[in-house]
Amino acid sequence: MKHLPLIGITMGDPAGVGPVIISTSLSDSSLYQCCRPVVLGDPGVLSSTISSFLPKIPQKLSLNIISRPAQARAMPGVIDLVAISELKPGIIQPGRAAVEGGRAMVEYIVRAVEMTMQGEFGAMVTSPISKVLMHQAGYIYDGHTQLISHLTGTPDYVMMLAGERLRVALVTIHCALKDVPDILDRELVYKTIAITAKALQKDFGFKSPRLAVAALNPHAGEEGLFGSEEREIIGPAIRMAEKEGLRIEGPFPADTLFYKAASGPYDAVVAMYHDQGLIPLKLLHFSDAVNITLGLPIIRTSVDHGTAYDIAGTGQADPSSLKAAIRMAVLMAENRVCDL
């Protein structure tokens, strides 16, 4: 088992679905055939989740409290847990956000980044958090990605959502749609393309990745009739990437590009804004999409959903995205080892 990568899994908000999807996912013995998963979280919350809300899990689960990842037993039926928090009984109620839980969820991330940077984990996988709760707990970041980029000293990064049929990298992420044209510039589009191409080589094993770039405007601007961004920003950025030897095409009208990309001719699509890329991605991969941060010195994958407070603690949460995120982290960790 020692040759399998150690994968750190943060619990996320203890009051969200993180404890449930972690427990459900790690009851799947097949995950232990590809990695050694280690949870960073709260033993009381996880133990309560296992005993109270998951009676239908076919395999009995127990906790193995450890202080370092290397101590993991990595056995089906046993969840190896680094106890980062010891929240008092009654403070955390499933579905009810609490500031104490917010502080804990951030600490899980911070410790996971530290351990991964130190080489104790081959990759880290994050469960969902509340951005509002993060702010209430005193951490003024837009979410996981911005916090991790700060902790790793990475100013340039790219958010990618991926499934088996489609991978989408975003030039702009969480901003108002009306602000997108003002944010876009040649350097930002080029940087997104370059980071995506490098990650496809280093982390996904594509020797010569093929990328397609979506236009911003309908009909790719229709020669300037519907907008000039394709001619003045996106097109020149693509030509910059071509001069670097990258295999890239576009800008293509977005209404037809994703249909074509899902059929296989491209390894990833670069989209200009959040919903442009994620609507088609989630149409194909609503349950099993993985959120990946490209450009970091460490590997970080995540579920592609939120805390789902409405079903937290009921055992109804679908663990598919977390399982996919773990397997994706393993793939990326193995590719990075081969790339050394």
C-alpha atoms as a PDB file:
ATOM      1  CA  MET A   1       0.000   0.000   0.000  1.00  0.00           C
ATOM      2  CA  LYS A   2       2.905   2.386   0.607  1.00  0.00           C
ATOM      3  CA  HIS A   3       3.363   3.047  -3.101  1.00  0.00           C
ATOM      4  CA  LEU A   4      -0.148   4.491  -3.354  1.00  0.00           C
ATOM      5  CA  PRO A   5      -0.364   8.295  -3.041  1.00  0.00           C
ATOM      6  CA  LEU A   6      -1.498   9.849   0.220  1.00  0.00           C
ATOM      7  CA  ILE A   7      -4.475  12.100  -0.487  1.00  0.00           C
ATOM      8  CA  GLY A   8      -5.565  14.707   2.072  1.00  0.00           C
ATOM      9  CA  ILE A   9      -9.323  15.354   2.211  1.00  0.00           C
ATOM     10  CA  THR A  10     -10.589  18.421   4.063  1.00  0.00           C
ATOM     11  CA  MET A  11     -13.954  18.109   5.807  1.00  0.00           C
ATOM     12  CA  GLY A  12     -15.255  21.490   4.664  1.00  0.00           C
ATOM     13  CA  ASP A  13     -17.963  23.146   6.747  1.00  0.00           C
ATOM     14  CA  PRO A  14     -18.742  20.633   9.523  1.00  0.00           C
ATOM     15  CA  ALA A  15     -22.409  21.655   9.328  1.00  0.00           C
ATOM     16  CA  GLY A  16     -22.605  21.001   5.599  1.00  0.00           C
ATOM     17  CA  VAL A  17     -22.604  17.794   3.566  1.00  0.00           C
ATOM     18  CA  GLY A  18     -18.838  17.339   3.845  1.00  0.00           C
ATOM     19  CA  PRO A  19     -18.952  14.790   6.701  1.00  0.00           C
ATOM     20  CA  VAL A  20     -21.668  12.819   4.909  1.00  0.00           C
ATOM     21  CA  ILE A  21     -20.031  12.623   1.495  1.00  0.00           C
ATOM     22  CA  ILE A  22     -16.655  11.812   3.062  1.00  0.00           C
ATOM     23  CA  SER A  23     -18.124   8.944   5.085  1.00  0.00           C
ATOM     24  CA  THR A  24     -20.100   7.642   2.120  1.00  0.00           C
ATOM     25  CA  SER A  25     -17.162   7.917  -0.267  1.00  0.00           C
ATOM     26  CA  LEU A  26     -14.709   6.199   2.063  1.00  0.00           C
ATOM     27  CA  SER A  27     -17.099   3.304   2.566  1.00  0.00           C
ATOM     28  CA  ASP A  28     -16.258   2.463  -1.063  1.00  0.00           C
ATOM     29  CA  SER A  29     -13.354   0.025  -0.759  1.00  0.00           C
ATOM     30  CA  SER A  30     -12.314   0.586  -4.388  1.00  0.00           C
ATOM     31  CA  LEU A  31     -10.848   3.985  -3.470  1.00  0.00           C
ATOM     32  CA  TYR A  32      -8.304   2.232  -1.276  1.00  0.00           C
ATOM     33  CA  GLN A  33      -7.036   0.395  -4.331  1.00  0.00           C
ATOM     34  CA  CYS A  34      -5.785   3.645  -5.881  1.00  0.00           C
ATOM     35  CA  CYS A  35      -4.809   5.805  -2.896  1.00  0.00           C
ATOM     36  CA  ARG A  36      -4.399   6.230   0.842  1.00  0.00           C
ATOM     37  CA  PRO A  37      -7.056   8.776   1.826  1.00  0.00           C
ATOM     38  CA  VAL A  38      -6.616  10.825   4.991  1.00  0.00           C
ATOM     39  CA  VAL A  39      -9.298  13.177   6.312  1.00  0.00           C
ATOM     40  CA  LEU A  40      -8.482  16.478   8.004  1.00  0.00           C
ATOM     41  CA  GLY A  41     -11.394  17.381  10.220  1.00  0.00           C
ATOM     42  CA  ASP A  42     -13.210  16.877  13.488  1.00  0.00           C
ATOM     43  CA  PRO A  43     -13.483  13.411  15.082  1.00  0.00           C
ATOM     44  CA  GLY A  44     -16.664  14.186  16.998  1.00  0.00           C
ATOM     45  CA  VAL A  45     -18.513  15.470  13.941  1.00  0.00           C
ATOM     46  CA  LEU A  46     -17.368  12.619  11.721  1.00  0.00           C
ATOM     47  CA  SER A  47     -18.129   9.972  14.345  1.00  0.00           C
ATOM     48  CA  SER A  48     -21.603  11.409  14.896  1.00  0.00           C
ATOM     49  CA  THR A  49     -22.239  11.441  11.167  1.00  0.00           C
ATOM     50  CA  ILE A  50     -21.251   7.799  10.794  1.00  0.00           C
ATOM     51  CA  SER A  51     -23.354   6.587  13.713  1.00  0.00           C
ATOM     52  CA  SER A  52     -26.427   8.780  13.340  1.00  0.00           C
ATOM     53  CA  PHE A  53     -27.017   9.547   9.703  1.00  0.00           C
ATOM     54  CA  LEU A  54     -25.554   6.737   7.656  1.00  0.00           C
ATOM     55  CA  PRO A  55     -27.203   3.515   8.830  1.00  0.00           C
ATOM     56  CA  LYS A  56     -27.473   2.207   5.284  1.00  0.00           C
ATOM     57  CA  ILE A  57     -23.745   2.079   4.579  1.00  0.00           C
ATOM     58  CA  PRO A  58     -23.025  -1.595   3.846  1.00  0.00           C
ATOM     59  CA  GLN A  59     -19.596  -1.508   5.436  1.00  0.00           C
ATOM     60  CA  LYS A  60     -19.059  -0.658   9.091  1.00  0.00           C
ATOM     61  CA  LEU A  61     -16.756   2.316   9.495  1.00  0.00           C
ATOM     62  CA  SER A  62     -14.402   3.232  12.313  1.00  0.00           C
ATOM     63  CA  LEU A  63     -12.032   6.144  12.882  1.00  0.00           C
ATOM     64  CA  ASN A  64      -8.278   5.876  13.223  1.00  0.00           C
ATOM     65  CA  ILE A  65      -6.990   9.097  14.783  1.00  0.00           C
ATOM     66  CA  ILE A  66      -3.463   9.919  13.612  1.00  0.00           C
ATOM     67  CA  SER A  67      -1.142  12.885  13.964  1.00  0.00           C
ATOM     68  CA  ARG A  68       0.660  12.663  10.603  1.00  0.00           C
ATOM     69  CA  PRO A  69      -0.439  11.312   7.204  1.00  0.00           C
ATOM     70  CA  ALA A  70       2.333   8.711   7.118  1.00  0.00           C
ATOM     71  CA  GLN A  71       0.636   6.930  10.045  1.00  0.00           C
ATOM     72  CA  ALA A  72      -2.427   6.086   7.936  1.00  0.00           C
ATOM     73  CA  ARG A  73      -3.512   2.453   7.999  1.00  0.00           C
ATOM     74  CA  ALA A  74      -5.256   2.875   4.623  1.00  0.00           C
ATOM     75  CA  MET A  75      -7.676  -0.001   5.155  1.00  0.00           C
ATOM     76  CA  PRO A  76     -11.241  -0.275   3.855  1.00  0.00           C
ATOM     77  CA  GLY A  77     -13.655   0.230   6.727  1.00  0.00           C
ATOM     78  CA  VAL A  78     -11.217   2.520   8.561  1.00  0.00           C
ATOM     79  CA  ILE A  79     -11.184   6.288   8.060  1.00  0.00           C
ATOM     80  CA  ASP A  80      -7.765   7.729   8.873  1.00  0.00           C
ATOM     81  CA  LEU A  81      -8.318  11.150  10.440  1.00  0.00           C
ATOM     82  CA  VAL A  82      -5.961  13.947  11.416  1.00  0.00           C
ATOM     83  CA  ALA A  83      -7.940  15.710  14.148  1.00  0.00           C
ATOM     84  CA  ILE A  84      -7.554  19.411  13.382  1.00  0.00           C
ATOM     85  CA  SER A  85     -10.491  20.576  15.509  1.00  0.00           C
ATOM     86  CA  GLU A  86     -12.228  19.376  18.660  1.00  0.00           C
ATOM     87  CA  LEU A  87     -15.563  21.157  18.449  1.00  0.00           C
ATOM     88  CA  LYS A  88     -17.696  20.959  21.577  1.00  0.00           C
ATOM     89  CA  PRO A  89     -20.790  18.725  21.373  1.00  0.00           C
ATOM     90  CA  GLY A  90     -23.880  20.646  20.377  1.00  0.00           C
ATOM     91  CA  ILE A  91     -22.072  23.513  18.661  1.00  0.00           C
ATOM     92  CA  ILE A  92     -22.379  21.935  15.226  1.00  0.00           C
ATOM     93  CA  GLN A  93     -25.873  21.072  14.023  1.00  0.00           C
ATOM     94  CA  PRO A  94     -26.216  19.703  10.471  1.00  0.00           C
ATOM     95  CA  GLY A  95     -27.604  22.387   8.197  1.00  0.00           C
ATOM     96  CA  ARG A  96     -26.926  25.266  10.599  1.00  0.00           C
ATOM     97  CA  ALA A  97     -23.820  27.301   9.915  1.00  0.00           C
ATOM     98  CA  ALA A  98     -21.818  28.295  12.985  1.00  0.00           C
ATOM     99  CA  VAL A  99     -18.856  30.650  13.238  1.00  0.00           C
ATOM    100  CA  GLU A 100     -16.913  28.027  15.222  1.00  0.00           C
ATOM    101  CA  GLY A 101     -17.382  25.634  12.319  1.00  0.00           C
ATOM    102  CA  GLY A 102     -16.237  28.352   9.937  1.00  0.00           C
ATOM    103  CA  ARG A 103     -12.966  28.792  11.776  1.00  0.00           C
ATOM    104  CA  ALA A 104     -12.466  25.024  11.785  1.00  0.00           C
ATOM    105  CA  MET A 105     -13.169  24.625   8.063  1.00  0.00           C
ATOM    106  CA  VAL A 106     -10.516  27.235   7.238  1.00  0.00           C
ATOM    107  CA  GLU A 107      -8.012  25.542   9.542  1.00  0.00           C
ATOM    108  CA  TYR A 108      -8.567  22.238   7.698  1.00  0.00           C
ATOM    109  CA  ILE A 109      -7.582  23.970   4.460  1.00  0.00           C
ATOM    110  CA  VAL A 110      -4.569  25.720   5.951  1.00  0.00           C
ATOM    111  CA  ARG A 111      -3.194  22.509   7.456  1.00  0.00           C
ATOM    112  CA  ALA A 112      -3.845  20.536   4.273  1.00  0.00           C
ATOM    113  CA  VAL A 113      -1.927  23.094   2.226  1.00  0.00           C
ATOM    114  CA  GLU A 114       0.965  23.011   4.702  1.00  0.00           C
ATOM    115  CA  MET A 115       1.153  19.212   4.646  1.00  0.00           C
ATOM    116  CA  THR A 116       0.883  19.042   0.852  1.00  0.00           C
ATOM    117  CA  MET A 117       3.546  21.719   0.384  1.00  0.00           C
ATOM    118  CA  GLN A 118       5.806  19.708   2.696  1.00  0.00           C
ATOM    119  CA  GLY A 119       5.251  16.567   0.636  1.00  0.00           C
ATOM    120  CA  GLU A 120       3.237  14.705   3.274  1.00  0.00           C
ATOM    121  CA  PHE A 121       0.335  14.458   0.817  1.00  0.00           C
ATOM    122  CA  GLY A 122       0.596  13.833  -2.893  1.00  0.00           C
ATOM    123  CA  ALA A 123      -2.519  15.967  -3.392  1.00  0.00           C
ATOM    124  CA  MET A 124      -5.341  17.596  -1.455  1.00  0.00           C
ATOM    125  CA  VAL A 125      -9.084  17.333  -2.064  1.00  0.00           C
ATOM    126  CA  THR A 126     -11.483  19.853  -0.579  1.00  0.00           C
ATOM    127  CA  SER A 127     -15.073  19.408   0.567  1.00  0.00           C
ATOM    128  CA  PRO A 128     -17.533  22.308   0.274  1.00  0.00           C
ATOM    129  CA  ILE A 129     -17.325  25.443   2.386  1.00  0.00           C
ATOM    130  CA  SER A 130     -19.481  28.530   2.871  1.00  0.00           C
ATOM    131  CA  LYS A 131     -17.888  31.712   1.552  1.00  0.00           C
ATOM    132  CA  VAL A 132     -20.174  33.790   3.804  1.00  0.00           C
ATOM    133  CA  LEU A 133     -19.133  31.738   6.825  1.00  0.00           C
ATOM    134  CA  MET A 134     -15.479  32.144   5.843  1.00  0.00           C
ATOM    135  CA  HIS A 135     -15.926  35.906   5.999  1.00  0.00           C
ATOM    136  CA  GLN A 136     -17.811  35.718   9.294  1.00  0.00           C
ATOM    137  CA  ALA A 137     -14.931  33.713  10.727  1.00  0.00           C
ATOM    138  CA  GLY A 138     -12.544  36.533   9.802  1.00  0.00           C
ATOM    139  CA  TYR A 139     -11.026  35.242   6.554  1.00  0.00           C
ATOM    140  CA  ILE A 140     -11.762  37.709   3.765  1.00  0.00           C
ATOM    141  CA  TYR A 141     -11.292  35.550   0.684  1.00  0.00           C
ATOM    142  CA  ASP A 142     -13.686  34.795  -2.160  1.00  0.00           C
ATOM    143  CA  GLY A 143     -13.369  31.078  -1.438  1.00  0.00           C
ATOM    144  CA  HIS A 144     -11.071  28.067  -1.438  1.00  0.00           C
ATOM    145  CA  THR A 145      -9.123  29.033  -4.525  1.00  0.00           C
ATOM    146  CA  GLN A 146      -8.125  32.517  -3.423  1.00  0.00           C
ATOM    147  CA  LEU A 147      -7.120  31.285   0.052  1.00  0.00           C
ATOM    148  CA  ILE A 148      -5.006  28.454  -1.362  1.00  0.00           C
ATOM    149  CA  SER A 149      -3.366  30.749  -3.925  1.00  0.00           C
ATOM    150  CA  HIS A 150      -2.413  33.080  -1.069  1.00  0.00           C
ATOM    151  CA  LEU A 151      -1.074  30.252   1.094  1.00  0.00           C
ATOM    152  CA  THR A 152       1.029  28.875  -1.774  1.00  0.00           C
ATOM    153  CA  GLY A 153       2.201  32.256  -3.070  1.00  0.00           C
ATOM    154  CA  THR A 154       0.571  31.705  -6.459  1.00  0.00           C
ATOM    155  CA  PRO A 155      -0.743  34.923  -8.050  1.00  0.00           C
ATOM    156  CA  ASP A 156      -1.575  33.307 -11.403  1.00  0.00           C
ATOM    157  CA  TYR A 157      -3.941  30.345 -11.385  1.00  0.00           C
ATOM    158  CA  VAL A 158      -6.832  28.987 -13.412  1.00  0.00           C
ATOM    159  CA  MET A 159     -10.097  27.386 -12.368  1.00  0.00           C
ATOM    160  CA  MET A 160     -10.963  24.281 -14.366  1.00  0.00           C
ATOM    161  CA  LEU A 161     -14.076  22.113 -14.162  1.00  0.00           C
ATOM    162  CA  ALA A 162     -13.630  18.647 -15.586  1.00  0.00           C
ATOM    163  CA  GLY A 163     -15.489  15.454 -16.365  1.00  0.00           C
ATOM    164  CA  GLU A 164     -14.768  12.530 -18.656  1.00  0.00           C
ATOM    165  CA  ARG A 165     -16.244  14.213 -21.749  1.00  0.00           C
ATOM    166  CA  LEU A 166     -15.413  17.867 -21.198  1.00  0.00           C
ATOM    167  CA  ARG A 167     -12.813  20.054 -19.472  1.00  0.00           C
ATOM    168  CA  VAL A 168     -13.384  23.787 -19.216  1.00  0.00           C
ATOM    169  CA  ALA A 169     -10.916  26.442 -18.025  1.00  0.00           C
ATOM    170  CA  LEU A 170     -12.228  29.904 -17.139  1.00  0.00           C
ATOM    171  CA  VAL A 171     -10.632  33.247 -17.963  1.00  0.00           C
ATOM    172  CA  THR A 172     -12.878  35.126 -15.511  1.00  0.00           C
ATOM    173  CA  ILE A 173     -14.536  33.442 -12.550  1.00  0.00           C
ATOM    174  CA  HIS A 174     -16.783  35.098  -9.980  1.00  0.00           C
ATOM    175  CA  CYS A 175     -17.713  38.517 -11.267  1.00  0.00           C
ATOM    176  CA  ALA A 176     -20.776  40.257 -12.624  1.00  0.00           C
ATOM    177  CA  LEU A 177     -21.481  39.493 -16.272  1.00  0.00           C
ATOM    178  CA  LYS A 178     -21.476  43.211 -17.091  1.00  0.00           C
ATOM    179  CA  ASP A 179     -17.877  43.444 -15.832  1.00  0.00           C
ATOM    180  CA  VAL A 180     -16.458  40.664 -18.007  1.00  0.00           C
ATOM    181  CA  PRO A 181     -15.644  42.780 -21.106  1.00  0.00           C
ATOM    182  CA  ASP A 182     -13.720  45.273 -18.968  1.00  0.00           C
ATOM    183  CA  ILE A 183     -11.754  42.540 -17.194  1.00  0.00           C
ATOM    184  CA  LEU A 184     -10.690  40.732 -20.365  1.00  0.00           C
ATOM    185  CA  ASP A 185      -7.362  41.640 -21.907  1.00  0.00           C
ATOM    186  CA  ARG A 186      -4.862  39.870 -24.141  1.00  0.00           C
ATOM    187  CA  GLU A 187      -2.481  38.999 -21.330  1.00  0.00           C
ATOM    188  CA  LEU A 188      -5.213  37.474 -19.149  1.00  0.00           C
ATOM    189  CA  VAL A 189      -6.573  35.341 -21.982  1.00  0.00           C
ATOM    190  CA  TYR A 190      -3.063  34.266 -23.005  1.00  0.00           C
ATOM    191  CA  LYS A 191      -2.111  33.481 -19.409  1.00  0.00           C
ATOM    192  CA  THR A 192      -5.197  31.291 -18.995  1.00  0.00           C
ATOM    193  CA  ILE A 193      -4.362  29.416 -22.182  1.00  0.00           C
ATOM    194  CA  ALA A 194      -0.711  28.921 -21.188  1.00  0.00           C
ATOM    195  CA  ILE A 195      -1.467  27.727 -17.630  1.00  0.00           C
ATOM    196  CA  THR A 196      -4.125  25.347 -18.937  1.00  0.00           C
ATOM    197  CA  ALA A 197      -1.830  23.879 -21.589  1.00  0.00           C
ATOM    198  CA  LYS A 198       0.998  23.366 -19.096  1.00  0.00           C
ATOM    199  CA  ALA A 199      -1.339  21.645 -16.615  1.00  0.00           C
ATOM    200  CA  LEU A 200      -2.728  19.353 -19.303  1.00  0.00           C
ATOM    201  CA  GLN A 201       0.834  18.231 -19.973  1.00  0.00           C
ATOM    202  CA  LYS A 202       2.107  18.036 -16.407  1.00  0.00           C
ATOM    203  CA  ASP A 203      -0.986  16.836 -14.541  1.00  0.00           C
ATOM    204  CA  PHE A 204      -3.118  15.076 -17.141  1.00  0.00           C
ATOM    205  CA  GLY A 205      -0.457  13.405 -19.252  1.00  0.00           C
ATOM    206  CA  PHE A 206      -1.220  15.025 -22.617  1.00  0.00           C
ATOM    207  CA  LYS A 207       2.067  15.391 -24.503  1.00  0.00           C
ATOM    208  CA  SER A 208       0.669  17.914 -26.960  1.00  0.00           C
ATOM    209  CA  PRO A 209      -2.720  19.117 -25.672  1.00  0.00           C
ATOM    210  CA  ARG A 210      -5.325  20.471 -28.050  1.00  0.00           C
ATOM    211  CA  LEU A 211      -7.207  23.551 -26.877  1.00  0.00           C
ATOM    212  CA  ALA A 212     -10.196  25.440 -28.231  1.00  0.00           C
ATOM    213  CA  VAL A 213     -11.110  28.974 -27.206  1.00  0.00           C
ATOM    214  CA  ALA A 214     -14.660  30.256 -26.943  1.00  0.00           C
ATOM    215  CA  ALA A 215     -15.613  33.670 -28.269  1.00  0.00           C
ATOM    216  CA  LEU A 216     -17.199  36.193 -25.930  1.00  0.00           C
ATOM    217  CA  ASN A 217     -19.902  37.465 -28.268  1.00  0.00           C
ATOM    218  CA  PRO A 218     -22.602  35.706 -30.315  1.00  0.00           C
ATOM    219  CA  HIS A 219     -21.329  34.401 -33.659  1.00  0.00           C
ATOM    220  CA  ALA A 220     -17.775  35.233 -32.497  1.00  0.00           C
ATOM    221  CA  GLY A 221     -18.601  38.908 -32.933  1.00  0.00           C
ATOM    222  CA  GLU A 222     -19.750  38.547 -36.556  1.00  0.00           C
ATOM    223  CA  GLU A 223     -16.691  40.467 -37.844  1.00  0.00           C
ATOM    224  CA  GLY A 224     -17.193  43.234 -35.297  1.00  0.00           C
ATOM    225  CA  LEU A 225     -20.938  43.621 -35.753  1.00  0.00           C
ATOM    226  CA  PHE A 226     -21.703  42.169 -32.285  1.00  0.00           C
ATOM    227  CA  GLY A 227     -18.518  43.151 -30.485  1.00  0.00           C
ATOM    228  CA  SER A 228     -14.803  43.660 -30.991  1.00  0.00           C
ATOM    229  CA  GLU A 229     -13.305  41.489 -28.229  1.00  0.00           C
ATOM    230  CA  GLU A 230     -12.613  38.587 -30.583  1.00  0.00           C
ATOM    231  CA  ARG A 231     -10.653  40.770 -32.969  1.00  0.00           C
ATOM    232  CA  GLU A 232      -8.875  42.953 -30.405  1.00  0.00           C
ATOM    233  CA  ILE A 233      -8.312  40.626 -27.421  1.00  0.00           C
ATOM    234  CA  ILE A 234      -9.081  36.934 -27.855  1.00  0.00           C
ATOM    235  CA  GLY A 235      -7.690  36.449 -31.353  1.00  0.00           C
ATOM    236  CA  PRO A 236      -4.356  38.162 -30.590  1.00  0.00           C
ATOM    237  CA  ALA A 237      -4.022  36.105 -27.372  1.00  0.00           C
ATOM    238  CA  ILE A 238      -4.512  32.920 -29.398  1.00  0.00           C
ATOM    239  CA  ARG A 239      -1.817  34.014 -31.854  1.00  0.00           C
ATOM    240  CA  MET A 240       0.526  34.678 -28.934  1.00  0.00           C
ATOM    241  CA  ALA A 241      -0.058  31.105 -27.761  1.00  0.00           C
ATOM    242  CA  GLU A 242       0.491  29.738 -31.270  1.00  0.00           C
ATOM    243  CA  LYS A 243       3.876  31.440 -31.400  1.00  0.00           C
ATOM    244  CA  GLU A 244       4.756  29.488 -28.254  1.00  0.00           C
ATOM    245  CA  GLY A 245       4.030  26.255 -30.114  1.00  0.00           C
ATOM    246  CA  LEU A 246       0.674  25.502 -28.486  1.00  0.00           C
ATOM    247  CA  ARG A 247      -1.990  23.613 -30.431  1.00  0.00           C
ATOM    248  CA  ILE A 248      -4.930  25.965 -30.163  1.00  0.00           C
ATOM    249  CA  GLU A 249      -7.908  27.017 -32.260  1.00  0.00           C
ATOM    250  CA  GLY A 250     -10.564  29.719 -32.046  1.00  0.00           C
ATOM    251  CA  PRO A 251     -12.217  31.914 -31.107  1.00  0.00           C
ATOM    252  CA  PHE A 252     -15.298  29.804 -31.854  1.00  0.00           C
ATOM    253  CA  PRO A 253     -18.948  30.736 -31.279  1.00  0.00           C
ATOM    254  CA  ALA A 254     -19.798  29.237 -27.901  1.00  0.00           C
ATOM    255  CA  ASP A 255     -23.207  27.954 -28.991  1.00  0.00           C
ATOM    256  CA  THR A 256     -21.587  25.260 -31.165  1.00  0.00           C
ATOM    257  CA  LEU A 257     -18.133  24.860 -29.635  1.00  0.00           C
ATOM    258  CA  PHE A 258     -19.100  22.822 -26.580  1.00  0.00           C
ATOM    259  CA  TYR A 259     -21.118  20.326 -28.610  1.00  0.00           C
ATOM    260  CA  LYS A 260     -18.084  19.730 -30.778  1.00  0.00           C
ATOM    261  CA  ALA A 261     -15.632  19.657 -27.854  1.00  0.00           C
ATOM    262  CA  ALA A 262     -17.680  17.035 -26.000  1.00  0.00           C
ATOM    263  CA  SER A 263     -17.222  14.737 -28.992  1.00  0.00           C
ATOM    264  CA  GLY A 264     -13.479  14.541 -28.431  1.00  0.00           C
ATOM    265  CA  PRO A 265     -11.366  16.728 -30.768  1.00  0.00           C
ATOM    266  CA  TYR A 266     -10.117  18.977 -27.928  1.00  0.00           C
ATOM    267  CA  ASP A 267      -8.563  18.216 -24.568  1.00  0.00           C
ATOM    268  CA  ALA A 268      -9.955  21.393 -23.003  1.00  0.00           C
ATOM    269  CA  VAL A 269     -11.976  24.488 -23.797  1.00  0.00           C
ATOM    270  CA  VAL A 270     -11.041  27.957 -22.574  1.00  0.00           C
ATOM    271  CA  ALA A 271     -14.222  29.904 -21.776  1.00  0.00           C
ATOM    272  CA  MET A 272     -14.422  33.640 -21.211  1.00  0.00           C
ATOM    273  CA  TYR A 273     -16.765  33.659 -18.215  1.00  0.00           C
ATOM    274  CA  HIS A 274     -18.241  31.430 -15.533  1.00  0.00           C
ATOM    275  CA  ASP A 275     -21.645  30.437 -16.903  1.00  0.00           C
ATOM    276  CA  GLN A 276     -20.464  30.249 -20.500  1.00  0.00           C
ATOM    277  CA  GLY A 277     -18.275  27.311 -19.564  1.00  0.00           C
ATOM    278  CA  LEU A 278     -20.110  25.755 -16.649  1.00  0.00           C
ATOM    279  CA  ILE A 279     -23.613  25.473 -18.099  1.00  0.00           C
ATOM    280  CA  PRO A 280     -22.528  22.931 -20.757  1.00  0.00           C
ATOM    281  CA  LEU A 281     -20.103  21.282 -18.312  1.00  0.00           C
ATOM    282  CA  LYS A 282     -22.797  20.713 -15.696  1.00  0.00           C
ATOM    283  CA  LEU A 283     -25.289  19.593 -18.307  1.00  0.00           C
ATOM    284  CA  LEU A 284     -22.931  16.695 -19.024  1.00  0.00           C
ATOM    285  CA  HIS A 285     -21.379  16.229 -15.572  1.00  0.00           C
ATOM    286  CA  PHE A 286     -23.831  17.496 -12.984  1.00  0.00           C
ATOM    287  CA  SER A 287     -23.017  14.785 -10.432  1.00  0.00           C
ATOM    288  CA  ASP A 288     -19.410  13.909 -11.191  1.00  0.00           C
ATOM    289  CA  ALA A 289     -17.711  17.168 -12.184  1.00  0.00           C
ATOM    290  CA  VAL A 290     -14.447  18.058 -10.457  1.00  0.00           C
ATOM    291  CA  ASN A 291     -13.183  21.545  -9.633  1.00  0.00           C
ATOM    292  CA  ILE A 292      -9.416  21.817 -10.175  1.00  0.00           C
ATOM    293  CA  THR A 293      -7.074  24.716  -9.495  1.00  0.00           C
ATOM    294  CA  LEU A 294      -4.397  24.835 -12.188  1.00  0.00           C
ATOM    295  CA  GLY A 295      -1.050  26.557 -11.807  1.00  0.00           C
ATOM    296  CA  LEU A 296      -0.455  25.765  -8.127  1.00  0.00           C
ATOM    297  CA  PRO A 297       2.771  24.163  -6.867  1.00  0.00           C
ATOM    298  CA  ILE A 298       0.520  21.515  -5.278  1.00  0.00           C
ATOM    299  CA  ILE A 299      -2.402  19.492  -6.593  1.00  0.00           C
ATOM    300  CA  ARG A 300      -5.814  20.598  -5.413  1.00  0.00           C
ATOM    301  CA  THR A 301      -9.122  19.182  -6.580  1.00  0.00           C
ATOM    302  CA  SER A 302     -12.569  19.743  -5.136  1.00  0.00           C
ATOM    303  CA  VAL A 303     -16.204  18.800  -5.364  1.00  0.00           C
ATOM    304  CA  ASP A 304     -18.276  20.875  -7.741  1.00  0.00           C
ATOM    305  CA  HIS A 305     -21.100  21.714  -5.346  1.00  0.00           C
ATOM    306  CA  GLY A 306     -21.817  23.673  -2.205  1.00  0.00           C
ATOM    307  CA  THR A 307     -22.540  22.874   1.422  1.00  0.00           C
ATOM    308  CA  ALA A 308     -26.166  21.848   0.663  1.00  0.00           C
ATOM    309  CA  TYR A 309     -27.350  22.715   4.157  1.00  0.00           C
ATOM    310  CA  ASP A 310     -30.874  21.601   3.274  1.00  0.00           C
ATOM    311  CA  ILE A 311     -29.823  17.939   3.127  1.00  0.00           C
ATOM    312  CA  ALA A 312     -26.831  18.011   5.480  1.00  0.00           C
ATOM    313  CA  GLY A 313     -26.894  15.185   7.980  1.00  0.00           C
ATOM    314  CA  THR A 314     -29.624  13.234   6.219  1.00  0.00           C
ATOM    315  CA  GLY A 315     -27.405  10.833   4.309  1.00  0.00           C
ATOM    316  CA  GLN A 316     -29.014  11.928   1.032  1.00  0.00           C
ATOM    317  CA  ALA A 317     -26.031  13.817  -0.383  1.00  0.00           C
ATOM    318  CA  ASP A 318     -24.545  12.311  -3.539  1.00  0.00           C
ATOM    319  CA  PRO A 319     -20.843  11.468  -3.036  1.00  0.00           C
ATOM    320  CA  SER A 320     -20.139  11.118  -6.785  1.00  0.00           C
ATOM    321  CA  SER A 321     -18.326  14.447  -7.128  1.00  0.00           C
ATOM    322  CA  LEU A 322     -16.067  13.768  -4.139  1.00  0.00           C
ATOM    323  CA  LYS A 323     -15.200  10.300  -5.415  1.00  0.00           C
ATOM    324  CA  ALA A 324     -14.398  11.804  -8.806  1.00  0.00           C
ATOM    325  CA  ALA A 325     -12.284  14.523  -7.160  1.00  0.00           C
ATOM    326  CA  ILE A 326     -10.281  11.904  -5.242  1.00  0.00           C
ATOM    327  CA  ARG A 327      -9.677   9.830  -8.355  1.00  0.00           C
ATOM    328  CA  MET A 328      -8.732  12.954 -10.311  1.00  0.00           C
ATOM    329  CA  ALA A 329      -6.249  13.927  -7.598  1.00  0.00           C
ATOM    330  CA  VAL A 330      -4.695  10.452  -7.810  1.00  0.00           C
ATOM    331  CA  LEU A 331      -4.364  10.724 -11.590  1.00  0.00           C
ATOM    332  CA  MET A 332      -2.721  14.128 -11.332  1.00  0.00           C
ATOM    333  CA  ALA A 333      -0.377  13.011  -8.539  1.00  0.00           C
ATOM    334  CA  GLU A 334       0.743  10.003 -10.555  1.00  0.00           C
ATOM    335  CA  ASN A 335       1.351  12.152 -13.627  1.00  0.00           C
ATOM    336  CA  ARG A 336       3.436  14.640 -11.643  1.00  0.00           C
ATOM    337  CA  VAL A 337       5.588  11.798 -10.322  1.00  0.00           C
ATOM    338  CA  CYS A 338       6.127  10.551 -13.879  1.00  0.00           C
ATOM    339  CA  ASP A 339       6.968  14.110 -14.972  1.00  0.00           C
ATOM    340  CA  LEU A 340       9.821  14.453 -12.476  1.00  0.00           C
END
